[in-house]
Amino acid sequence: MQAALLERRRRGVAEVAAQQAADFERYEQRQLLDELTDQSERLSRPMENGFVYEFGPDEKLYSEYGEQLEEVFATGLEAARLAAEKDPHNWTFEHERRVIELDEIREVQALQDGQKLIVFSPLPDRVRAGLTSINGYDRKRQKMLVRVAERQGQEVGIFSFSLDGSDYEAMQAAAAAVGADIPDGLGSEEILATRFTYDSGHQLSMKDCHKLIREAYDSSLERRRGGAWYAGRPEINQGDALSFIRQQNDLIRQHMTAVSNIMARALEANEKQQLLEMARYNFAAALDDRMAGKIVSDVSDAGDTARAEGREYDGDCPTSATAQAEQLGYAQGKNAEMKCVTCPFCGQLVDAIVEGASISCPREACGMSVDRKTGKTSRRNQEYTESVWEVVGRWLEEGRARKEHEKAQRRAARVGRRAYELAG
């Protein structure tokens, strides 16, 4: 009798464990489908961003975070000026662009109720010609950004969208679709400085402007090159993208491992969401590279390269007016970063700044930097003799060690949970 009772209990525990395992597997499958669907949307659509700003008592525009927009642009301009003083070859043109963009935002602030302003911002000529090594511009897609601003009462909405290729003839056709004229032979900064203002009687909404500009741009490409185009890209629908993604088993495994590790960590919701978005960006970059025929072995490396190139994959949630401005296509030029690495000097997780031959910790309390050419490390004009390769190696090694530690935590949590379930 006792043996039969024990056997029934054992079978009951086994059945519960089997059911829980099946439930967990279904959960993982749902999570996988959600992740792959998210990626198919990112790969099949161009960049589109829009934000609303309010006028303050001083008649200046403010973000939802309370930041004055003109001050944000002025700060960016000053950063570009200082960079141009140190590295004029790479940064002089970017400083010129930020002067133009500050003037643009001032003109947006001067709009009357119901007025619109449209700006075309093609890829800078120096970037297209390979005359600068500055980061932040999408050299692969050669994106042009179009911004449409409209004032309604005490608010101004700014909507920005991308058109791949920065094709001059298609851009002229797109401008003509909304009654604007871009003459032949203008340079990229001359085009950026050309703004088209529409009075309140203008019947086209921001959505209408977007549709007309995109369709005219694509029609020009279709007429001259054949095929179907969407926002300057050979058209790919979401179903095709999903089918392609499902075949990339090695990248899927890397991404889902990263997602599982993040979900297993005890983090605040917003911090967890930021890490998930970083992982999803890395996955999108790896898939995009592989779709273009590149060899990809590590999703994190693909993500770091894409960030340095300024590639956009929808999904990022800006947390400041500066981040919003970048998503609208302003202040694109920037220094490269080593994302989410542990500084070997202060031990903090940071986005290390890569500027020329220098790698440095962005934390003011640390401030340590490494010169990759001389092999010297410094902080506030003090020099150290540790080899650059030893320092960079430690940064990378500690990043790998952190990843392995997170994997071990995840495995331990899963084993502990399963043991608890069986014991219960």
Foldseek 3Di string as FASTA:
>chain_A
DVVVVVVVLLVVLVVLLVVVVVVVVVVLVVVLVVLLLLLLVLQQDFFKDKAKWFQDPVLFTAHPVGDGLLVLLVVLLVVLVVVCVVPVQARVVLNLLSVLVSVVSVVLSVDDAQKKKKAKAFQAPCVQVVRHPFFQAQNPFRKIKMWMWHHHPRMIMIMITIAGDSDPVLQQQLQVLQPHGDDPDDGRSVRRNDMDMDDNVRPDDPVNSVVSSQVSSQVVCCVVPNAGDGSNHRHDHSVNSSVLLVVPVQLSVQLSLQLLLLVLDPDDPVVSLVSNVLSSLLSSQQSVCVVVVHDDDHSLVSSQVCVRRNDDGPDDDDDDSSSSCVSNPRSRTDFGWNAQWQQPQPRDGATWTDDPQKTFGPDPVGTWIARQPVQWIDHPPDIDNHGVCVRVVVRVVRVVVVSVVSSVSSVVVVVVVSVVSSVD
